[in-house]
Amino acid sequence: MATLQERKTHRRAILEALYGAVEANRPDVSGATLGDDLALPEADLAAACAYLAGEGLVAVEWTSHKTPARATLTHEGIRLMEAEEEERGG
């Protein structure tokens, strides 16, 4: 079981990866790619995606095994990431 800090780190990494995909004109990312690129175990990836989906920040297509097949930022997710980028002076 991941610690609270690890769970927050996983969620942040997913948001940043999906935002990078949006910036590169790739509207969604496969769950396998997210897991591989971020080196996240399947259970941690699924838990983080479920949390972010519950917050309305990402949309997830789930496999029959309850793992993310594809994920994309929602409009709210993009707005959040853009606001954070502006705060950093980007």
PDB file of N, CA and C in Angstrom:
ATOM      1  N   MET A   1       0.840  -1.183   0.000  1.00  0.00           N
ATOM      2  CA  MET A   1       0.000   0.000   0.000  1.00  0.00           C
ATOM      3  C   MET A   1       0.886   1.248   0.000  1.00  0.00           C
ATOM      4  N   ALA A   2       0.598   2.146  -0.909  1.00  0.00           N
ATOM      5  CA  ALA A   2       1.371   3.374  -1.018  1.00  0.00           C
ATOM      6  C   ALA A   2       1.028   4.322   0.136  1.00  0.00           C
ATOM      7  N   THR A   3       2.023   5.084   0.569  1.00  0.00           N
ATOM      8  CA  THR A   3       1.793   6.084   1.612  1.00  0.00           C
ATOM      9  C   THR A   3       1.026   7.257   1.018  1.00  0.00           C
ATOM     10  N   LEU A   4       0.548   8.127   1.878  1.00  0.00           N
ATOM     11  CA  LEU A   4      -0.176   9.308   1.419  1.00  0.00           C
ATOM     12  C   LEU A   4       0.702  10.129   0.479  1.00  0.00           C
ATOM     13  N   GLN A   5       1.945  10.359   0.852  1.00  0.00           N
ATOM     14  CA  GLN A   5       2.840  11.157   0.008  1.00  0.00           C
ATOM     15  C   GLN A   5       3.080  10.477  -1.337  1.00  0.00           C
ATOM     16  N   GLU A   6       3.235   9.169  -1.337  1.00  0.00           N
ATOM     17  CA  GLU A   6       3.405   8.442  -2.598  1.00  0.00           C
ATOM     18  C   GLU A   6       2.166   8.566  -3.474  1.00  0.00           C
ATOM     19  N   ARG A   7       0.989   8.458  -2.875  1.00  0.00           N
ATOM     20  CA  ARG A   7      -0.254   8.584  -3.647  1.00  0.00           C
ATOM     21  C   ARG A   7      -0.371   9.971  -4.268  1.00  0.00           C
ATOM     22  N   LYS A   8      -0.020  11.001  -3.504  1.00  0.00           N
ATOM     23  CA  LYS A   8      -0.045  12.365  -4.041  1.00  0.00           C
ATOM     24  C   LYS A   8       0.960  12.523  -5.170  1.00  0.00           C
ATOM     25  N   THR A   9       2.120  11.932  -5.009  1.00  0.00           N
ATOM     26  CA  THR A   9       3.164  11.988  -6.038  1.00  0.00           C
ATOM     27  C   THR A   9       2.698  11.287  -7.306  1.00  0.00           C
ATOM     28  N   HIS A  10       2.049  10.147  -7.163  1.00  0.00           N
ATOM     29  CA  HIS A  10       1.527   9.410  -8.322  1.00  0.00           C
ATOM     30  C   HIS A  10       0.487  10.240  -9.068  1.00  0.00           C
ATOM     31  N   ARG A  11      -0.424  10.842  -8.315  1.00  0.00           N
ATOM     32  CA  ARG A  11      -1.470  11.652  -8.953  1.00  0.00           C
ATOM     33  C   ARG A  11      -0.869  12.838  -9.698  1.00  0.00           C
ATOM     34  N   ARG A  12       0.096  13.502  -9.089  1.00  0.00           N
ATOM     35  CA  ARG A  12       0.762  14.650  -9.720  1.00  0.00           C
ATOM     36  C   ARG A  12       1.468  14.209 -10.991  1.00  0.00           C
ATOM     37  N   ALA A  13       2.159  13.079 -10.945  1.00  0.00           N
ATOM     38  CA  ALA A  13       2.888  12.578 -12.110  1.00  0.00           C
ATOM     39  C   ALA A  13       1.930  12.268 -13.261  1.00  0.00           C
ATOM     40  N   ILE A  14       0.779  11.709 -12.945  1.00  0.00           N
ATOM     41  CA  ILE A  14      -0.215  11.403 -13.978  1.00  0.00           C
ATOM     42  C   ILE A  14      -0.738  12.687 -14.603  1.00  0.00           C
ATOM     43  N   LEU A  15      -1.087  13.668 -13.771  1.00  0.00           N
ATOM     44  CA  LEU A  15      -1.557  14.944 -14.305  1.00  0.00           C
ATOM     45  C   LEU A  15      -0.517  15.582 -15.220  1.00  0.00           C
ATOM     46  N   GLU A  16       0.729  15.572 -14.801  1.00  0.00           N
ATOM     47  CA  GLU A  16       1.785  16.180 -15.610  1.00  0.00           C
ATOM     48  C   GLU A  16       1.998  15.423 -16.918  1.00  0.00           C
ATOM     49  N   ALA A  17       1.935  14.098 -16.866  1.00  0.00           N
ATOM     50  CA  ALA A  17       2.095  13.301 -18.086  1.00  0.00           C
ATOM     51  C   ALA A  17       0.955  13.566 -19.062  1.00  0.00           C
ATOM     52  N   LEU A  18      -0.263  13.629 -18.546  1.00  0.00           N
ATOM     53  CA  LEU A  18      -1.406  13.885 -19.418  1.00  0.00           C
ATOM     54  C   LEU A  18      -1.390  15.309 -19.962  1.00  0.00           C
ATOM     55  N   TYR A  19      -0.943  16.253 -19.166  1.00  0.00           N
ATOM     56  CA  TYR A  19      -0.837  17.636 -19.638  1.00  0.00           C
ATOM     57  C   TYR A  19       0.226  17.738 -20.731  1.00  0.00           C
ATOM     58  N   GLY A  20       1.314  17.038 -20.559  1.00  0.00           N
ATOM     59  CA  GLY A  20       2.344  16.996 -21.601  1.00  0.00           C
ATOM     60  C   GLY A  20       1.800  16.401 -22.887  1.00  0.00           C
ATOM     61  N   ALA A  21       0.951  15.404 -22.766  1.00  0.00           N
ATOM     62  CA  ALA A  21       0.345  14.790 -23.951  1.00  0.00           C
ATOM     63  C   ALA A  21      -0.580  15.779 -24.649  1.00  0.00           C
ATOM     64  N   VAL A  22      -1.358  16.525 -23.877  1.00  0.00           N
ATOM     65  CA  VAL A  22      -2.258  17.531 -24.460  1.00  0.00           C
ATOM     66  C   VAL A  22      -1.441  18.570 -25.209  1.00  0.00           C
ATOM     67  N   GLU A  23      -0.336  19.017 -24.601  1.00  0.00           N
ATOM     68  CA  GLU A  23       0.520  20.015 -25.245  1.00  0.00           C
ATOM     69  C   GLU A  23       1.111  19.486 -26.550  1.00  0.00           C
ATOM     70  N   ALA A  24       1.290  18.177 -26.641  1.00  0.00           N
ATOM     71  CA  ALA A  24       1.852  17.552 -27.848  1.00  0.00           C
ATOM     72  C   ALA A  24       0.758  17.091 -28.811  1.00  0.00           C
ATOM     73  N   ASN A  25      -0.466  17.572 -28.595  1.00  0.00           N
ATOM     74  CA  ASN A  25      -1.610  17.221 -29.445  1.00  0.00           C
ATOM     75  C   ASN A  25      -1.959  15.743 -29.417  1.00  0.00           C
ATOM     76  N   ARG A  26      -1.712  15.097 -28.296  1.00  0.00           N
ATOM     77  CA  ARG A  26      -2.155  13.720 -28.086  1.00  0.00           C
ATOM     78  C   ARG A  26      -3.221  13.785 -27.000  1.00  0.00           C
ATOM     79  N   PRO A  27      -4.478  13.708 -27.374  1.00  0.00           N
ATOM     80  CA  PRO A  27      -5.534  13.940 -26.386  1.00  0.00           C
ATOM     81  C   PRO A  27      -5.644  12.880 -25.297  1.00  0.00           C
ATOM     82  N   ASP A  28      -5.138  11.686 -25.541  1.00  0.00           N
ATOM     83  CA  ASP A  28      -5.205  10.677 -24.493  1.00  0.00           C
ATOM     84  C   ASP A  28      -3.953   9.815 -24.517  1.00  0.00           C
ATOM     85  N   VAL A  29      -3.777   9.094 -23.426  1.00  0.00           N
ATOM     86  CA  VAL A  29      -2.596   8.249 -23.250  1.00  0.00           C
ATOM     87  C   VAL A  29      -3.076   6.887 -22.773  1.00  0.00           C
ATOM     88  N   SER A  30      -2.472   5.845 -23.291  1.00  0.00           N
ATOM     89  CA  SER A  30      -2.869   4.506 -22.837  1.00  0.00           C
ATOM     90  C   SER A  30      -2.406   4.285 -21.400  1.00  0.00           C
ATOM     91  N   GLY A  31      -3.164   3.490 -20.690  1.00  0.00           N
ATOM     92  CA  GLY A  31      -2.792   3.155 -19.321  1.00  0.00           C
ATOM     93  C   GLY A  31      -1.445   2.457 -19.254  1.00  0.00           C
ATOM     94  N   ALA A  32      -1.180   1.590 -20.241  1.00  0.00           N
ATOM     95  CA  ALA A  32       0.106   0.885 -20.262  1.00  0.00           C
ATOM     96  C   ALA A  32       1.263   1.873 -20.409  1.00  0.00           C
ATOM     97  N   THR A  33       1.085   2.872 -21.273  1.00  0.00           N
ATOM     98  CA  THR A  33       2.129   3.878 -21.458  1.00  0.00           C
ATOM     99  C   THR A  33       2.338   4.684 -20.185  1.00  0.00           C
ATOM    100  N   LEU A  34       1.249   5.101 -19.564  1.00  0.00           N
ATOM    101  CA  LEU A  34       1.373   5.840 -18.302  1.00  0.00           C
ATOM    102  C   LEU A  34       2.116   5.012 -17.262  1.00  0.00           C
ATOM    103  N   GLY A  35       1.702   3.779 -17.092  1.00  0.00           N
ATOM    104  CA  GLY A  35       2.344   2.920 -16.107  1.00  0.00           C
ATOM    105  C   GLY A  35       3.817   2.716 -16.384  1.00  0.00           C
ATOM    106  N   ASP A  36       4.156   2.489 -17.655  1.00  0.00           N
ATOM    107  CA  ASP A  36       5.561   2.277 -18.021  1.00  0.00           C
ATOM    108  C   ASP A  36       6.376   3.553 -17.866  1.00  0.00           C
ATOM    109  N   ASP A  37       5.857   4.662 -18.413  1.00  0.00           N
ATOM    110  CA  ASP A  37       6.605   5.922 -18.368  1.00  0.00           C
ATOM    111  C   ASP A  37       6.827   6.416 -16.951  1.00  0.00           C
ATOM    112  N   LEU A  38       5.851   6.178 -16.088  1.00  0.00           N
ATOM    113  CA  LEU A  38       5.943   6.669 -14.714  1.00  0.00           C
ATOM    114  C   LEU A  38       6.432   5.608 -13.737  1.00  0.00           C
ATOM    115  N   ALA A  39       6.670   4.405 -14.237  1.00  0.00           N
ATOM    116  CA  ALA A  39       7.122   3.277 -13.412  1.00  0.00           C
ATOM    117  C   ALA A  39       6.186   3.059 -12.218  1.00  0.00           C
ATOM    118  N   LEU A  40       4.884   3.066 -12.526  1.00  0.00           N
ATOM    119  CA  LEU A  40       3.891   2.849 -11.474  1.00  0.00           C
ATOM    120  C   LEU A  40       3.340   1.434 -11.545  1.00  0.00           C
ATOM    121  N   PRO A  41       3.247   0.772 -10.408  1.00  0.00           N
ATOM    122  CA  PRO A  41       2.578  -0.522 -10.384  1.00  0.00           C
ATOM    123  C   PRO A  41       1.121  -0.349 -10.810  1.00  0.00           C
ATOM    124  N   GLU A  42       0.558  -1.381 -11.402  1.00  0.00           N
ATOM    125  CA  GLU A  42      -0.805  -1.329 -11.930  1.00  0.00           C
ATOM    126  C   GLU A  42      -1.822  -0.888 -10.875  1.00  0.00           C
ATOM    127  N   ALA A  43      -1.699  -1.400  -9.672  1.00  0.00           N
ATOM    128  CA  ALA A  43      -2.657  -1.060  -8.607  1.00  0.00           C
ATOM    129  C   ALA A  43      -2.560   0.415  -8.232  1.00  0.00           C
ATOM    130  N   ASP A  44      -1.349   0.947  -8.158  1.00  0.00           N
ATOM    131  CA  ASP A  44      -1.167   2.354  -7.818  1.00  0.00           C
ATOM    132  C   ASP A  44      -1.662   3.256  -8.942  1.00  0.00           C
ATOM    133  N   LEU A  45      -1.411   2.860 -10.189  1.00  0.00           N
ATOM    134  CA  LEU A  45      -1.900   3.615 -11.340  1.00  0.00           C
ATOM    135  C   LEU A  45      -3.425   3.655 -11.326  1.00  0.00           C
ATOM    136  N   ALA A  46      -4.053   2.510 -11.097  1.00  0.00           N
ATOM    137  CA  ALA A  46      -5.515   2.437 -11.072  1.00  0.00           C
ATOM    138  C   ALA A  46      -6.084   3.297  -9.944  1.00  0.00           C
ATOM    139  N   ALA A  47      -5.476   3.235  -8.777  1.00  0.00           N
ATOM    140  CA  ALA A  47      -5.971   4.013  -7.640  1.00  0.00           C
ATOM    141  C   ALA A  47      -5.836   5.513  -7.907  1.00  0.00           C
ATOM    142  N   ALA A  48      -4.706   5.924  -8.465  1.00  0.00           N
ATOM    143  CA  ALA A  48      -4.495   7.342  -8.751  1.00  0.00           C
ATOM    144  C   ALA A  48      -5.468   7.832  -9.822  1.00  0.00           C
ATOM    145  N   CYS A  49      -5.673   7.044 -10.860  1.00  0.00           N
ATOM    146  CA  CYS A  49      -6.600   7.430 -11.927  1.00  0.00           C
ATOM    147  C   CYS A  49      -8.029   7.494 -11.397  1.00  0.00           C
ATOM    148  N   ALA A  50      -8.404   6.556 -10.545  1.00  0.00           N
ATOM    149  CA  ALA A  50      -9.751   6.568  -9.968  1.00  0.00           C
ATOM    150  C   ALA A  50      -9.950   7.826  -9.127  1.00  0.00           C
ATOM    151  N   TYR A  51      -8.960   8.185  -8.354  1.00  0.00           N
ATOM    152  CA  TYR A  51      -9.048   9.397  -7.530  1.00  0.00           C
ATOM    153  C   TYR A  51      -9.197  10.627  -8.422  1.00  0.00           C
ATOM    154  N   LEU A  52      -8.334  10.755  -9.424  1.00  0.00           N
ATOM    155  CA  LEU A  52      -8.371  11.923 -10.313  1.00  0.00           C
ATOM    156  C   LEU A  52      -9.682  11.987 -11.098  1.00  0.00           C
ATOM    157  N   ALA A  53     -10.192  10.839 -11.493  1.00  0.00           N
ATOM    158  CA  ALA A  53     -11.484  10.803 -12.186  1.00  0.00           C
ATOM    159  C   ALA A  53     -12.594  11.251 -11.241  1.00  0.00           C
ATOM    160  N   GLY A  54     -12.524  10.822 -10.009  1.00  0.00           N
ATOM    161  CA  GLY A  54     -13.512  11.232  -9.017  1.00  0.00           C
ATOM    162  C   GLY A  54     -13.495  12.727  -8.762  1.00  0.00           C
ATOM    163  N   GLU A  55     -12.327  13.339  -8.905  1.00  0.00           N
ATOM    164  CA  GLU A  55     -12.195  14.784  -8.742  1.00  0.00           C
ATOM    165  C   GLU A  55     -12.585  15.543 -10.005  1.00  0.00           C
ATOM    166  N   GLY A  56     -12.878  14.802 -11.085  1.00  0.00           N
ATOM    167  CA  GLY A  56     -13.274  15.436 -12.334  1.00  0.00           C
ATOM    168  C   GLY A  56     -12.110  15.985 -13.145  1.00  0.00           C
ATOM    169  N   LEU A  57     -10.890  15.563 -12.825  1.00  0.00           N
ATOM    170  CA  LEU A  57      -9.706  16.086 -13.504  1.00  0.00           C
ATOM    171  C   LEU A  57      -9.279  15.244 -14.695  1.00  0.00           C
ATOM    172  N   VAL A  58      -9.622  13.964 -14.684  1.00  0.00           N
ATOM    173  CA  VAL A  58      -9.299  13.084 -15.804  1.00  0.00           C
ATOM    174  C   VAL A  58     -10.516  12.234 -16.155  1.00  0.00           C
ATOM    175  N   ALA A  59     -10.547  11.816 -17.394  1.00  0.00           N
ATOM    176  CA  ALA A  59     -11.538  10.837 -17.848  1.00  0.00           C
ATOM    177  C   ALA A  59     -10.777   9.555 -18.133  1.00  0.00           C
ATOM    178  N   VAL A  60     -11.316   8.439 -17.697  1.00  0.00           N
ATOM    179  CA  VAL A  60     -10.610   7.166 -17.828  1.00  0.00           C
ATOM    180  C   VAL A  60     -11.523   6.138 -18.487  1.00  0.00           C
ATOM    181  N   GLU A  61     -10.989   5.424 -19.453  1.00  0.00           N
ATOM    182  CA  GLU A  61     -11.636   4.221 -19.980  1.00  0.00           C
ATOM    183  C   GLU A  61     -11.000   3.063 -19.233  1.00  0.00           C
ATOM    184  N   TRP A  62     -11.830   2.239 -18.609  1.00  0.00           N
ATOM    185  CA  TRP A  62     -11.324   1.145 -17.788  1.00  0.00           C
ATOM    186  C   TRP A  62     -11.370  -0.175 -18.545  1.00  0.00           C
ATOM    187  N   THR A  63     -10.399  -1.029 -18.268  1.00  0.00           N
ATOM    188  CA  THR A  63     -10.422  -2.381 -18.817  1.00  0.00           C
ATOM    189  C   THR A  63     -11.380  -3.220 -17.977  1.00  0.00           C
ATOM    190  N   SER A  64     -11.633  -4.426 -18.417  1.00  0.00           N
ATOM    191  CA  SER A  64     -12.486  -5.324 -17.638  1.00  0.00           C
ATOM    192  C   SER A  64     -11.814  -5.739 -16.331  1.00  0.00           C
ATOM    193  N   HIS A  65     -10.505  -5.501 -16.219  1.00  0.00           N
ATOM    194  CA  HIS A  65      -9.759  -5.830 -14.998  1.00  0.00           C
ATOM    195  C   HIS A  65      -9.626  -4.636 -14.067  1.00  0.00           C
ATOM    196  N   LYS A  66     -10.393  -3.565 -14.361  1.00  0.00           N
ATOM    197  CA  LYS A  66     -10.404  -2.354 -13.527  1.00  0.00           C
ATOM    198  C   LYS A  66      -9.055  -1.644 -13.506  1.00  0.00           C
ATOM    199  N   THR A  67      -8.359  -1.690 -14.642  1.00  0.00           N
ATOM    200  CA  THR A  67      -7.143  -0.903 -14.812  1.00  0.00           C
ATOM    201  C   THR A  67      -7.397   0.099 -15.940  1.00  0.00           C
ATOM    202  N   PRO A  68      -6.679   1.212 -15.948  1.00  0.00           N
ATOM    203  CA  PRO A  68      -6.912   2.214 -16.984  1.00  0.00           C
ATOM    204  C   PRO A  68      -6.473   1.718 -18.365  1.00  0.00           C
ATOM    205  N   ALA A  69      -7.399   1.756 -19.311  1.00  0.00           N
ATOM    206  CA  ALA A  69      -7.053   1.449 -20.697  1.00  0.00           C
ATOM    207  C   ALA A  69      -6.531   2.709 -21.376  1.00  0.00           C
ATOM    208  N   ARG A  70      -7.202   3.843 -21.123  1.00  0.00           N
ATOM    209  CA  ARG A  70      -6.819   5.133 -21.674  1.00  0.00           C
ATOM    210  C   ARG A  70      -7.210   6.204 -20.662  1.00  0.00           C
ATOM    211  N   ALA A  71      -6.453   7.283 -20.652  1.00  0.00           N
ATOM    212  CA  ALA A  71      -6.776   8.401 -19.770  1.00  0.00           C
ATOM    213  C   ALA A  71      -6.521   9.709 -20.506  1.00  0.00           C
ATOM    214  N   THR A  72      -7.314  10.703 -20.172  1.00  0.00           N
ATOM    215  CA  THR A  72      -7.156  12.026 -20.756  1.00  0.00           C
ATOM    216  C   THR A  72      -7.550  13.069 -19.723  1.00  0.00           C
ATOM    217  N   LEU A  73      -6.981  14.250 -19.839  1.00  0.00           N
ATOM    218  CA  LEU A  73      -7.388  15.342 -18.962  1.00  0.00           C
ATOM    219  C   LEU A  73      -8.769  15.839 -19.375  1.00  0.00           C
ATOM    220  N   THR A  74      -9.575  16.165 -18.414  1.00  0.00           N
ATOM    221  CA  THR A  74     -10.848  16.822 -18.692  1.00  0.00           C
ATOM    222  C   THR A  74     -10.580  18.312 -18.852  1.00  0.00           C
ATOM    223  N   HIS A  75     -11.617  19.048 -19.194  1.00  0.00           N
ATOM    224  CA  HIS A  75     -11.485  20.504 -19.290  1.00  0.00           C
ATOM    225  C   HIS A  75     -11.010  21.071 -17.952  1.00  0.00           C
ATOM    226  N   GLU A  76     -11.572  20.569 -16.857  1.00  0.00           N
ATOM    227  CA  GLU A  76     -11.159  21.033 -15.528  1.00  0.00           C
ATOM    228  C   GLU A  76      -9.694  20.693 -15.246  1.00  0.00           C
ATOM    229  N   GLY A  77      -9.270  19.532 -15.682  1.00  0.00           N
ATOM    230  CA  GLY A  77      -7.883  19.143 -15.500  1.00  0.00           C
ATOM    231  C   GLY A  77      -6.936  20.055 -16.260  1.00  0.00           C
ATOM    232  N   ILE A  78      -7.307  20.399 -17.474  1.00  0.00           N
ATOM    233  CA  ILE A  78      -6.488  21.310 -18.275  1.00  0.00           C
ATOM    234  C   ILE A  78      -6.449  22.681 -17.616  1.00  0.00           C
ATOM    235  N   ARG A  79      -7.598  23.162 -17.146  1.00  0.00           N
ATOM    236  CA  ARG A  79      -7.629  24.472 -16.488  1.00  0.00           C
ATOM    237  C   ARG A  79      -6.736  24.491 -15.253  1.00  0.00           C
ATOM    238  N   LEU A  80      -6.767  23.425 -14.468  1.00  0.00           N
ATOM    239  CA  LEU A  80      -5.924  23.332 -13.283  1.00  0.00           C
ATOM    240  C   LEU A  80      -4.454  23.397 -13.662  1.00  0.00           C
ATOM    241  N   MET A  81      -4.064  22.605 -14.645  1.00  0.00           N
ATOM    242  CA  MET A  81      -2.659  22.560 -15.042  1.00  0.00           C
ATOM    243  C   MET A  81      -2.212  23.892 -15.650  1.00  0.00           C
ATOM    244  N   GLU A  82      -3.079  24.535 -16.428  1.00  0.00           N
ATOM    245  CA  GLU A  82      -2.739  25.841 -16.993  1.00  0.00           C
ATOM    246  C   GLU A  82      -2.590  26.893 -15.900  1.00  0.00           C
ATOM    247  N   ALA A  83      -3.458  26.859 -14.904  1.00  0.00           N
ATOM    248  CA  ALA A  83      -3.371  27.808 -13.798  1.00  0.00           C
ATOM    249  C   ALA A  83      -2.065  27.613 -13.030  1.00  0.00           C
ATOM    250  N   GLU A  84      -1.683  26.355 -12.821  1.00  0.00           N
ATOM    251  CA  GLU A  84      -0.423  26.086 -12.122  1.00  0.00           C
ATOM    252  C   GLU A  84       0.770  26.532 -12.957  1.00  0.00           C
ATOM    253  N   GLU A  85       0.668  26.344 -14.266  1.00  0.00           N
ATOM    254  CA  GLU A  85       1.757  26.787 -15.159  1.00  0.00           C
ATOM    255  C   GLU A  85       1.889  28.314 -15.102  1.00  0.00           C
ATOM    256  N   GLU A  86       0.768  29.018 -15.113  1.00  0.00           N
ATOM    257  CA  GLU A  86       0.807  30.484 -15.026  1.00  0.00           C
ATOM    258  C   GLU A  86       1.408  30.931 -13.706  1.00  0.00           C
ATOM    259  N   GLU A  87       1.070  30.239 -12.599  1.00  0.00           N
ATOM    260  CA  GLU A  87       1.618  30.588 -11.291  1.00  0.00           C
ATOM    261  C   GLU A  87       3.132  30.443 -11.264  1.00  0.00           C
ATOM    262  N   ARG A  88       3.644  29.451 -12.000  1.00  0.00           N
ATOM    263  CA  ARG A  88       5.095  29.236 -12.069  1.00  0.00           C
ATOM    264  C   ARG A  88       5.773  30.215 -13.022  1.00  0.00           C
ATOM    265  N   GLY A  89       4.952  31.008 -13.705  1.00  0.00           N
ATOM    266  CA  GLY A  89       5.518  31.971 -14.627  1.00  0.00           C
ATOM    267  C   GLY A  89       5.730  31.434 -16.017  1.00  0.00           C
ATOM    268  N   GLY A  90       5.002  30.340 -16.373  1.00  0.00           N
ATOM    269  CA  GLY A  90       5.199  29.696 -17.660  1.00  0.00           C
ATOM    270  C   GLY A  90       4.355  30.209 -18.693  1.00  0.00           C
TER     271      GLY A  90
END
